Amino acid sequence: MNLKSERRGIHVDQSELLCKKGCGYYGNPAWQGFCSKCWREEYHKARQKQIQEDWELAERLQREEEEAYASSQSTQGAQSLTFSKFEEKKTNEKTRKVTTVKKFFTASSRAGAKKALAGKLKAEIQEAKAPSPSIHRQASIETDRVSKEFIEFIRTYQKPGQDIYKQCKLFLDTMSHKRDLSIEEQSECAQDFYQNVADRLQTRWKVPPEKVEKAMDEVEKYIMTRQYKYVFCPETTDDEKKDLAVQKRIRALHWVTPQMLCVPVSEEIPEVSDMVVKAITDIIEMDSKRVPRDKLACITKCSKHIFNAIKITKNEPASADDFLPTLIYIVLKGNPPRLQSNIQYITRFCNPSRLMTGEDGYYFTNLCCAVAFIEKLDAQSLNLSQEDFDRFMTGQTSPKKQESDSFSPDVCLGVKQMCKSLDLLSQLNERQERIVSEAKKLEKDLIDWTDGITKEVQDIVEKYPLEIKAKSQALAAIDSENVENDKLPPPLQPQVYAG
């Protein structure tokens, strides 16, 4: 039924003011009769369609270019597509695609919105170009792969999945306009987004906790793959400076041996040696991942290899006291690239529920402790004298290597053990000599201190000599005979009374 109302003498059909999509809301003539919500949906669909078409166009143009190049190499003089004609054809097709999309929104918004839309479409077209393989191209391929996997995943959640996707796109659009914010503020935005999405799934859509956790992992993967190049080691922070400082520090500590750190791992055992190599590989591989969860997974795999190496060496389960020194040794031996940047990236943008709980969070905390220990490592931490520590750090000398390192594999274990014992005895002898030297120095210091105190006392006695005065005469008794004063009464005499 058409309802009519008279406004300023003009009859208006209210049914004509409703949204063209039939959602029940009033439409806006500036948005071609759609309401704001429906117009955004239509805009999003058109934009996704345009991106997909541009991507297909780029792939087709690349194939044509490769075919043209192959034909020109195989048959000389054969007619082929020249570079200028190829570029002209590619430009014409791209212009036609952009024009088609622009016509869809000819009367949709203001001039500023049109310019922004054209700029976005131009950027998407440039990203969809198919040049020779490069880092940017590889990043685009990985981003596309993650996006497709994310879309396939959220389809299993039906309506909650649509809501998740909409929230993620809104978050990415918002973050694209917040590049000027500090990295801490961007981190807060990401953490708030994680919390809001998780609460939305639990409260509004009543999704079970285990499915919420899985969905949040996929959300983090999709979001951080798209945001990685903007938020990992940004120029506005000193992350790169810290990376260089840590790498320089680890290189200076190359002389540290497992014995100095009390590492309960014997690399002479082939299985243990393999575990150590795998642990080093995992901690280095962390830098190649783009998602915080994947970086945490590398840390977890490294830690499990360490536990296995300790277990094989000791023939018993490893403890936390054994794990941390071994992790420090692995970091020193592997010297992972951009270690501080990876730690900061995980701290800022990882899903807090994963970072604060579970084995991933435990192993990540131990890695942070290991890096802090390396930064503050001193002579006392390694049970060395300050002189030896300084010589090792400056490269003047290096600790004695185990003699068994130079042995061939066919040498019996008894000889190796004997050499180890001799080396330990020599180290004990050096420590004994150092203790005796320190004891003699302490004895000399005590003698010097005693002589100094004696000399100071003598100087004071000489400066302030002790004067002994003559003994004065004793005072007369009060009741003795006083010649000078006759007014005093005579002394009392005892009297006896007869009873």
Protein backbone atom coordinates (compact mmCIF):
# COMPACT_ATOMS: atom_id res chain seq x y z
CA MET A 1 0.00 0.00 0.00
CA ASN A 2 1.35 3.42 -0.97
CA LEU A 3 1.26 5.97 1.86
CA LYS A 4 1.25 9.59 0.83
CA SER A 5 2.05 12.70 2.89
CA GLU A 6 1.92 16.30 1.89
CA ARG A 7 5.11 18.26 2.52
CA ARG A 8 5.20 21.92 1.48
CA GLY A 9 2.33 21.31 -0.90
CA ILE A 10 4.03 18.41 -2.67
CA HIS A 11 2.70 14.85 -2.51
CA VAL A 12 5.50 12.37 -1.78
CA ASP A 13 5.12 8.62 -2.24
CA GLN A 14 6.96 7.17 0.80
CA SER A 15 7.25 3.74 -0.83
CA GLU A 16 9.52 5.34 -3.43
CA LEU A 17 11.85 6.58 -0.66
CA LEU A 18 12.55 3.10 0.64
CA CYS A 19 15.83 1.34 -0.17
CA LYS A 20 15.86 -0.26 -3.61
CA LYS A 21 17.17 -3.48 -2.11
CA GLY A 22 14.03 -3.91 -0.02
CA CYS A 23 15.67 -3.91 3.41
CA GLY A 24 12.98 -1.59 4.85
CA TYR A 25 15.20 1.43 5.46
CA TYR A 26 14.96 4.73 3.63
CA GLY A 27 17.26 5.15 0.69
CA ASN A 28 19.36 8.15 -0.23
CA PRO A 29 19.17 9.66 -3.74
CA ALA A 30 22.90 10.40 -3.48
CA TRP A 31 23.47 6.64 -3.17
CA GLN A 32 21.28 5.71 -6.13
CA GLY A 33 18.33 4.99 -3.88
CA PHE A 34 20.17 2.59 -1.56
CA CYS A 35 20.45 3.02 2.17
CA SER A 36 23.93 3.46 3.64
CA LYS A 37 24.24 -0.19 4.66
CA CYS A 38 23.14 -1.61 1.30
CA TRP A 39 25.24 0.87 -0.60
CA ARG A 40 28.35 -0.25 1.28
CA GLU A 41 27.52 -3.86 0.46
CA GLU A 42 27.06 -3.04 -3.22
CA TYR A 43 30.29 -1.05 -3.21
CA HIS A 44 32.13 -3.93 -1.57
CA LYS A 45 30.81 -6.45 -4.08
CA ALA A 46 31.76 -4.24 -7.02
CA ARG A 47 35.22 -3.65 -5.59
CA GLN A 48 35.87 -7.36 -5.04
CA LYS A 49 34.62 -8.14 -8.52
CA GLN A 50 36.90 -5.49 -10.00
CA ILE A 51 39.92 -6.81 -8.10
CA GLN A 52 39.21 -10.34 -9.30
CA GLU A 53 38.83 -9.19 -12.91
CA ASP A 54 42.06 -7.20 -12.74
CA TRP A 55 43.85 -10.17 -11.31
CA GLU A 56 42.60 -12.42 -14.15
CA LEU A 57 43.59 -9.73 -16.64
CA ALA A 58 47.10 -9.55 -15.22
CA GLU A 59 47.51 -13.33 -15.41
CA ARG A 60 46.25 -13.41 -18.97
CA LEU A 61 48.55 -10.57 -20.01
CA GLN A 62 51.48 -12.33 -18.44
CA ARG A 63 50.70 -15.51 -20.34
CA GLU A 64 50.44 -13.55 -23.59
CA GLU A 65 53.76 -11.88 -22.87
CA GLU A 66 55.46 -15.22 -22.21
CA GLU A 67 53.96 -16.75 -25.36
CA ALA A 68 55.05 -13.76 -27.44
CA TYR A 69 58.57 -13.94 -26.05
CA ALA A 70 58.76 -17.69 -26.69
CA SER A 71 57.55 -17.33 -30.27
CA SER A 72 60.04 -14.54 -30.97
CA GLN A 73 62.91 -16.73 -29.71
CA SER A 74 61.87 -19.87 -31.58
CA THR A 75 61.04 -18.40 -34.98
CA GLN A 76 63.01 -15.45 -36.25
CA GLY A 77 61.09 -13.07 -38.39
CA ALA A 78 57.77 -14.45 -37.25
CA GLN A 79 55.15 -11.94 -36.54
CA SER A 80 54.99 -11.24 -32.77
CA LEU A 81 53.41 -8.76 -30.48
CA THR A 82 55.78 -5.82 -29.99
CA PHE A 83 56.29 -4.28 -26.59
CA SER A 84 54.62 -0.99 -27.47
CA LYS A 85 51.53 -2.70 -28.85
CA PHE A 86 51.42 -5.00 -25.89
CA GLU A 87 51.58 -2.08 -23.47
CA GLU A 88 48.90 -0.22 -25.43
CA LYS A 89 46.61 -3.25 -25.34
CA LYS A 90 47.16 -3.76 -21.63
CA THR A 91 46.47 -0.06 -20.88
CA ASN A 92 43.28 -0.02 -22.96
CA GLU A 93 41.83 -3.08 -21.25
CA LYS A 94 42.68 -1.75 -17.78
CA THR A 95 41.17 1.65 -18.62
CA ARG A 96 37.99 -0.04 -19.82
CA LYS A 97 37.73 -2.03 -16.58
CA VAL A 98 38.24 1.06 -14.41
CA THR A 99 35.71 3.03 -16.43
CA THR A 100 33.12 0.28 -15.98
CA VAL A 101 33.50 0.37 -12.23
CA LYS A 102 33.39 4.17 -12.15
CA LYS A 103 30.09 4.15 -14.03
CA PHE A 104 28.58 2.02 -11.30
CA PHE A 105 29.08 4.86 -8.82
CA THR A 106 28.69 7.91 -11.09
CA ALA A 107 26.13 9.65 -8.86
CA SER A 108 26.91 7.85 -5.64
CA SER A 109 28.92 10.34 -3.62
CA ARG A 110 30.89 13.55 -3.59
CA ALA A 111 33.94 14.27 -5.71
CA GLY A 112 36.28 13.41 -2.84
CA ALA A 113 34.79 9.93 -2.55
CA LYS A 114 35.16 9.43 -6.31
CA LYS A 115 38.82 10.38 -6.15
CA ALA A 116 39.39 8.06 -3.22
CA LEU A 117 37.65 5.22 -5.05
CA ALA A 118 39.67 5.83 -8.20
CA GLY A 119 42.88 5.90 -6.15
CA LYS A 120 42.05 2.59 -4.48
CA LEU A 121 41.18 0.97 -7.79
CA LYS A 122 44.42 2.25 -9.30
CA ALA A 123 46.38 0.85 -6.38
CA GLU A 124 44.67 -2.53 -6.69
CA ILE A 125 45.44 -2.59 -10.44
CA GLN A 126 49.10 -1.81 -9.81
CA GLU A 127 49.26 -4.58 -7.21
CA ALA A 128 47.66 -6.97 -9.69
CA LYS A 129 50.37 -6.40 -12.32
CA ALA A 130 52.41 -9.42 -13.25
CA PRO A 131 56.08 -8.36 -13.46
CA SER A 132 59.08 -10.63 -13.12
CA PRO A 133 59.29 -12.50 -9.78
CA SER A 134 60.14 -10.20 -6.86
CA ILE A 135 59.62 -9.88 -3.14
CA HIS A 136 56.52 -7.76 -3.65
CA ARG A 137 55.08 -10.32 -6.03
CA GLN A 138 55.73 -13.14 -3.57
CA ALA A 139 54.08 -11.15 -0.80
CA SER A 140 51.02 -10.59 -3.00
CA ILE A 141 50.78 -14.31 -3.78
CA GLU A 142 50.97 -15.21 -0.10
CA THR A 143 48.39 -12.55 0.78
CA ASP A 144 46.02 -13.91 -1.87
CA ARG A 145 46.51 -17.46 -0.65
CA VAL A 146 45.78 -16.50 2.96
CA SER A 147 42.71 -14.50 1.89
CA LYS A 148 41.29 -17.45 -0.02
CA GLU A 149 41.94 -19.79 2.90
CA PHE A 150 40.25 -17.35 5.26
CA ILE A 151 37.17 -17.08 3.05
CA GLU A 152 36.94 -20.85 2.79
CA PHE A 153 37.22 -21.14 6.56
CA ILE A 154 34.54 -18.59 7.47
CA ARG A 155 32.06 -20.25 5.13
CA THR A 156 31.86 -23.10 7.62
CA TYR A 157 30.62 -20.62 10.26
CA GLN A 158 27.75 -19.33 8.03
CA LYS A 159 26.27 -16.15 9.58
CA PRO A 160 28.94 -15.76 12.28
CA GLY A 161 31.51 -16.16 9.51
CA GLN A 162 29.95 -13.35 7.50
CA ASP A 163 30.03 -11.15 10.58
CA ILE A 164 33.70 -12.02 11.17
CA TYR A 165 34.62 -11.19 7.60
CA LYS A 166 32.79 -7.87 7.75
CA GLN A 167 34.54 -6.94 11.00
CA CYS A 168 37.94 -7.86 9.57
CA LYS A 169 37.45 -5.79 6.43
CA LEU A 170 36.29 -2.84 8.52
CA PHE A 171 39.34 -3.18 10.76
CA LEU A 172 41.73 -3.30 7.79
CA ASP A 173 40.10 -0.23 6.23
CA THR A 174 40.38 1.58 9.55
CA MET A 175 44.03 0.67 10.02
CA SER A 176 44.86 1.83 6.51
CA HIS A 177 43.92 5.35 7.65
CA LYS A 178 45.91 5.08 10.89
CA ARG A 179 49.40 4.60 9.51
CA ASP A 180 50.53 7.79 11.25
CA LEU A 181 49.75 6.35 14.71
CA SER A 182 52.54 5.04 16.90
CA ILE A 183 53.17 1.31 16.92
CA GLU A 184 51.91 1.10 20.51
CA GLU A 185 48.60 2.67 19.52
CA GLN A 186 48.27 0.32 16.56
CA SER A 187 48.99 -2.57 18.91
CA GLU A 188 46.20 -1.43 21.22
CA CYS A 189 43.80 -1.27 18.27
CA ALA A 190 44.70 -4.84 17.26
CA GLN A 191 44.32 -6.16 20.81
CA ASP A 192 40.95 -4.43 21.20
CA PHE A 193 39.85 -5.90 17.87
CA TYR A 194 40.78 -9.43 18.98
CA GLN A 195 38.86 -9.00 22.21
CA ASN A 196 35.78 -7.54 20.51
CA VAL A 197 35.59 -10.32 17.90
CA ALA A 198 35.97 -13.03 20.54
CA ASP A 199 33.29 -11.45 22.73
CA ARG A 200 31.01 -11.05 19.72
CA LEU A 201 31.30 -14.72 18.81
CA GLN A 202 30.65 -15.86 22.38
CA THR A 203 27.86 -13.49 23.39
CA ARG A 204 25.99 -12.73 20.17
CA TRP A 205 26.48 -15.92 18.16
CA LYS A 206 26.91 -18.39 21.06
CA VAL A 207 29.90 -20.09 19.39
CA PRO A 208 31.58 -22.83 21.52
CA PRO A 209 34.93 -21.84 23.10
CA GLU A 210 36.97 -24.31 21.05
CA LYS A 211 35.53 -22.93 17.79
CA VAL A 212 36.10 -19.38 19.00
CA GLU A 213 39.78 -20.13 19.61
CA LYS A 214 40.13 -21.65 16.14
CA ALA A 215 38.34 -18.71 14.55
CA MET A 216 40.58 -16.23 16.37
CA ASP A 217 43.66 -18.04 15.05
CA GLU A 218 42.37 -17.64 11.49
CA VAL A 219 41.46 -14.00 12.11
CA GLU A 220 44.95 -13.29 13.41
CA LYS A 221 46.47 -15.05 10.40
CA TYR A 222 44.37 -13.06 7.92
CA ILE A 223 44.79 -9.69 9.65
CA MET A 224 48.52 -9.87 10.34
CA THR A 225 49.39 -11.23 6.89
CA ARG A 226 47.82 -8.11 5.44
CA GLN A 227 49.37 -5.79 8.04
CA TYR A 228 52.82 -7.40 8.31
CA LYS A 229 54.79 -5.04 6.10
CA TYR A 230 53.40 -2.01 7.95
CA VAL A 231 53.80 -3.11 11.58
CA PHE A 232 56.89 -5.37 11.62
CA CYS A 233 60.00 -3.40 12.57
CA PRO A 234 58.55 0.01 11.58
CA GLU A 235 60.88 2.93 10.99
CA THR A 236 59.30 4.90 13.84
CA THR A 237 60.75 2.50 16.44
CA ASP A 238 64.27 1.53 17.50
CA ASP A 239 63.67 -2.20 16.87
CA GLU A 240 66.31 -2.35 14.15
CA LYS A 241 68.86 -0.67 16.43
CA LYS A 242 68.16 -3.25 19.14
CA ASP A 243 68.51 -6.07 16.59
CA LEU A 244 71.96 -4.89 15.63
CA ALA A 245 72.98 -4.49 19.29
CA VAL A 246 71.86 -8.05 20.15
CA GLN A 247 73.60 -9.53 17.09
CA LYS A 248 76.81 -7.72 17.97
CA ARG A 249 76.56 -8.92 21.56
CA ILE A 250 76.05 -12.55 20.51
CA ARG A 251 78.99 -12.39 18.10
CA ALA A 252 81.19 -11.10 20.92
CA LEU A 253 80.11 -14.08 23.07
CA HIS A 254 80.99 -16.71 20.47
CA TRP A 255 83.59 -18.18 22.85
CA VAL A 256 81.04 -19.23 25.50
CA THR A 257 81.04 -23.01 25.94
CA PRO A 258 78.25 -25.30 27.21
CA GLN A 259 80.34 -26.01 30.32
CA MET A 260 80.35 -22.33 31.27
CA LEU A 261 76.55 -22.22 31.10
CA CYS A 262 76.17 -25.61 32.83
CA VAL A 263 74.28 -26.95 29.82
CA PRO A 264 73.28 -30.60 30.43
CA VAL A 265 73.62 -31.55 26.75
CA SER A 266 76.32 -33.72 25.20
CA GLU A 267 76.67 -33.04 21.48
CA GLU A 268 78.94 -36.06 21.12
CA ILE A 269 75.79 -38.20 21.04
CA PRO A 270 74.56 -38.21 17.41
CA GLU A 271 70.89 -37.98 18.35
CA VAL A 272 71.56 -35.04 20.66
CA SER A 273 73.61 -33.30 17.98
CA ASP A 274 70.70 -33.67 15.53
CA MET A 275 68.31 -32.22 18.10
CA VAL A 276 70.58 -29.22 18.64
CA VAL A 277 70.76 -28.58 14.88
CA LYS A 278 66.97 -28.80 14.57
CA ALA A 279 66.48 -26.42 17.51
CA ILE A 280 68.83 -23.87 15.91
CA THR A 281 67.01 -24.24 12.56
CA ASP A 282 63.62 -23.63 14.17
CA ILE A 283 64.72 -20.52 16.05
CA ILE A 284 66.24 -19.09 12.85
CA GLU A 285 63.14 -19.98 10.81
CA MET A 286 61.03 -17.80 13.11
CA ASP A 287 62.04 -14.70 11.14
CA SER A 288 60.59 -16.08 7.89
CA LYS A 289 57.05 -16.29 9.29
CA ARG A 290 54.56 -13.44 9.03
CA VAL A 291 51.90 -14.47 11.55
CA PRO A 292 52.62 -14.15 15.31
CA ARG A 293 51.13 -17.60 15.92
CA ASP A 294 53.51 -19.15 13.36
CA LYS A 295 56.48 -17.45 15.00
CA LEU A 296 55.37 -18.83 18.35
CA ALA A 297 55.10 -22.28 16.78
CA CYS A 298 58.77 -22.07 15.74
CA ILE A 299 59.75 -21.19 19.31
CA THR A 300 57.70 -24.11 20.61
CA LYS A 301 59.29 -26.59 18.19
CA CYS A 302 62.75 -25.34 19.14
CA SER A 303 61.97 -25.77 22.84
CA LYS A 304 60.68 -29.31 22.36
CA HIS A 305 63.87 -30.29 20.55
CA ILE A 306 65.83 -28.88 23.50
CA PHE A 307 63.82 -30.96 25.97
CA ASN A 308 64.41 -34.08 23.88
CA ALA A 309 68.17 -33.41 23.74
CA ILE A 310 68.33 -33.02 27.53
CA LYS A 311 66.27 -36.16 28.05
CA ILE A 312 68.52 -38.25 25.81
CA THR A 313 71.67 -36.91 27.50
CA LYS A 314 70.50 -37.38 31.10
CA ASN A 315 68.26 -40.42 30.55
CA GLU A 316 65.56 -38.65 32.56
CA PRO A 317 62.96 -35.92 31.95
CA ALA A 318 64.35 -32.40 31.70
CA SER A 319 63.56 -29.73 34.28
CA ALA A 320 63.10 -25.98 33.93
CA ASP A 321 66.55 -25.43 35.48
CA ASP A 322 68.07 -27.45 32.64
CA PHE A 323 65.94 -25.91 29.90
CA LEU A 324 66.80 -22.21 30.29
CA PRO A 325 70.63 -22.57 30.13
CA THR A 326 70.28 -24.80 27.08
CA LEU A 327 67.98 -22.28 25.38
CA ILE A 328 70.56 -19.55 26.07
CA TYR A 329 73.23 -21.74 24.47
CA ILE A 330 71.02 -22.36 21.41
CA VAL A 331 70.42 -18.63 20.95
CA LEU A 332 74.15 -17.91 21.27
CA LYS A 333 75.01 -20.62 18.78
CA GLY A 334 72.24 -19.77 16.28
CA ASN A 335 72.24 -15.94 16.53
CA PRO A 336 68.70 -15.63 15.06
CA PRO A 337 68.16 -12.67 12.71
CA ARG A 338 66.05 -9.71 13.89
CA LEU A 339 65.52 -11.34 17.26
CA GLN A 340 64.29 -8.24 19.10
CA SER A 341 61.98 -7.25 16.23
CA ASN A 342 60.34 -10.68 16.26
CA ILE A 343 59.89 -10.57 20.04
CA GLN A 344 58.35 -7.10 19.88
CA TYR A 345 56.10 -8.09 16.95
CA ILE A 346 54.77 -11.11 18.84
CA THR A 347 54.24 -9.07 21.99
CA ARG A 348 52.35 -6.32 20.19
CA PHE A 349 50.13 -8.23 17.76
CA CYS A 350 49.71 -11.79 18.97
CA ASN A 351 46.31 -12.95 20.21
CA PRO A 352 46.55 -12.35 24.00
CA SER A 353 44.72 -15.56 24.86
CA ARG A 354 47.49 -17.58 23.19
CA LEU A 355 50.37 -15.47 24.45
CA MET A 356 49.33 -15.48 28.11
CA THR A 357 48.41 -19.16 28.44
CA GLY A 358 49.57 -22.55 27.27
CA GLU A 359 52.97 -23.87 26.30
CA ASP A 360 53.46 -21.24 23.59
CA GLY A 361 53.32 -18.47 26.17
CA TYR A 362 55.66 -20.38 28.52
CA TYR A 363 58.32 -20.96 25.87
CA PHE A 364 58.05 -17.36 24.65
CA THR A 365 58.61 -16.08 28.20
CA ASN A 366 61.72 -18.25 28.49
CA LEU A 367 63.04 -16.87 25.20
CA CYS A 368 62.60 -13.31 26.51
CA CYS A 369 64.47 -14.29 29.68
CA ALA A 370 67.27 -15.83 27.61
CA VAL A 371 67.71 -12.65 25.57
CA ALA A 372 67.72 -10.52 28.73
CA PHE A 373 70.37 -12.81 30.25
CA ILE A 374 72.57 -12.52 27.16
CA GLU A 375 72.34 -8.73 27.22
CA LYS A 376 73.49 -8.64 30.89
CA LEU A 377 75.96 -11.55 30.77
CA ASP A 378 79.11 -10.84 32.83
CA ALA A 379 82.09 -12.65 34.36
CA GLN A 380 80.21 -13.64 37.50
CA SER A 381 77.46 -15.32 35.45
CA LEU A 382 80.08 -17.63 33.86
CA ASN A 383 82.17 -18.15 37.02
CA LEU A 384 85.13 -16.37 35.44
CA SER A 385 87.46 -13.69 36.68
CA GLN A 386 86.95 -10.22 35.29
CA GLU A 387 90.39 -10.31 33.64
CA ASP A 388 89.64 -13.53 31.76
CA PHE A 389 86.19 -12.30 30.76
CA ASP A 390 87.64 -9.07 29.36
CA ARG A 391 90.32 -10.97 27.41
CA PHE A 392 87.72 -13.32 25.94
CA MET A 393 85.41 -10.45 24.98
CA THR A 394 88.21 -8.50 23.28
CA GLY A 395 89.43 -11.60 21.43
CA GLN A 396 92.90 -11.61 22.98
CA THR A 397 92.50 -15.23 24.08
CA SER A 398 89.86 -17.94 23.92
CA PRO A 399 88.95 -20.79 26.27
CA LYS A 400 90.73 -24.07 25.75
CA LYS A 401 88.82 -26.38 23.51
CA GLN A 402 88.12 -29.91 24.57
CA GLU A 403 90.89 -32.21 23.39
CA SER A 404 88.29 -34.75 22.29
CA ASP A 405 87.17 -32.36 19.56
CA SER A 406 90.37 -33.09 17.62
CA PHE A 407 90.06 -36.87 17.96
CA SER A 408 88.99 -39.06 15.11
CA PRO A 409 85.73 -41.01 15.52
CA ASP A 410 87.54 -44.33 15.93
CA VAL A 411 89.36 -43.29 19.13
CA CYS A 412 88.11 -45.23 22.15
CA LEU A 413 85.95 -43.54 24.75
CA GLY A 414 88.48 -44.28 27.51
CA VAL A 415 91.11 -42.05 25.92
CA LYS A 416 88.57 -39.29 25.41
CA GLN A 417 87.46 -39.53 29.02
CA MET A 418 91.08 -39.47 30.20
CA CYS A 419 91.75 -36.29 28.22
CA LYS A 420 88.64 -34.72 29.67
CA SER A 421 89.78 -35.59 33.18
CA LEU A 422 93.23 -34.16 32.53
CA ASP A 423 91.67 -30.99 31.20
CA LEU A 424 89.48 -30.73 34.29
CA LEU A 425 92.53 -31.24 36.52
CA SER A 426 94.36 -28.47 34.70
CA GLN A 427 91.39 -26.17 35.18
CA LEU A 428 91.29 -27.07 38.89
CA ASN A 429 95.02 -26.38 39.13
CA GLU A 430 94.53 -22.96 37.59
CA ARG A 431 91.72 -22.21 39.99
CA GLN A 432 93.87 -23.38 42.93
CA GLU A 433 96.72 -21.14 41.86
CA ARG A 434 94.30 -18.24 41.53
CA ILE A 435 92.95 -18.92 45.04
CA VAL A 436 96.48 -19.06 46.52
CA SER A 437 97.38 -15.83 44.78
CA GLU A 438 94.29 -14.13 46.13
CA ALA A 439 95.01 -15.46 49.65
CA LYS A 440 98.55 -14.06 49.56
CA LYS A 441 97.21 -10.76 48.38
CA LEU A 442 94.70 -10.74 51.25
CA GLU A 443 97.46 -11.52 53.76
CA LYS A 444 99.57 -8.65 52.44
CA ASP A 445 96.58 -6.33 52.65
CA LEU A 446 96.01 -7.28 56.31
CA ILE A 447 99.69 -6.67 57.17
CA ASP A 448 99.64 -3.30 55.40
CA TRP A 449 96.45 -2.37 57.24
CA THR A 450 97.97 -3.27 60.65
CA ASP A 451 101.12 -1.27 59.93
CA GLY A 452 99.07 1.66 58.82
CA ILE A 453 96.96 1.67 61.99
CA THR A 454 100.12 1.42 64.19
CA LYS A 455 101.74 4.34 62.38
CA GLU A 456 98.63 6.49 62.77
CA VAL A 457 98.54 5.80 66.54
CA GLN A 458 102.21 6.71 66.90
CA ASP A 459 101.70 9.95 65.01
CA ILE A 460 98.83 10.90 67.30
CA VAL A 461 100.86 10.13 70.46
CA GLU A 462 103.76 12.23 69.18
CA LYS A 463 101.50 15.09 68.26
CA TYR A 464 99.62 15.02 71.58
CA PRO A 465 102.10 13.75 74.25
CA LEU A 466 100.76 12.49 77.57
CA GLU A 467 101.72 14.78 80.57
CA ILE A 468 101.65 13.13 84.04
CA LYS A 469 101.16 15.68 86.88
CA ALA A 470 102.69 15.31 90.40
CA LYS A 471 100.61 13.70 93.14
CA SER A 472 98.81 16.31 95.27
CA GLN A 473 98.78 16.27 99.16
CA ALA A 474 95.99 14.43 100.89
CA LEU A 475 93.22 16.50 102.45
CA ALA A 476 93.02 16.70 106.26
CA ALA A 477 90.22 15.02 108.07
CA ILE A 478 87.32 17.21 108.93
CA ASP A 479 87.61 16.53 112.63
CA SER A 480 91.40 16.97 112.87
CA GLU A 481 93.00 19.87 114.65
CA ASN A 482 92.59 23.00 112.58
CA VAL A 483 95.00 25.76 113.44
CA GLU A 484 93.73 28.27 110.90
CA ASN A 485 90.15 28.30 112.16
CA ASP A 486 89.66 28.14 115.92
CA LYS A 487 85.92 28.52 115.62
CA LEU A 488 85.43 24.90 114.73
CA PRO A 489 84.10 22.74 117.62
CA PRO A 490 86.47 20.27 119.26
CA PRO A 491 86.43 16.69 118.09
CA LEU A 492 83.75 14.48 119.54
CA GLN A 493 84.88 12.14 122.29
CA PRO A 494 83.06 8.95 123.14
CA GLN A 495 81.35 8.99 126.50
CA VAL A 496 80.44 6.05 128.66
CA TYR A 497 77.48 6.09 131.01
CA ALA A 498 77.22 3.79 133.94
CA GLY A 499 74.08 1.82 133.77
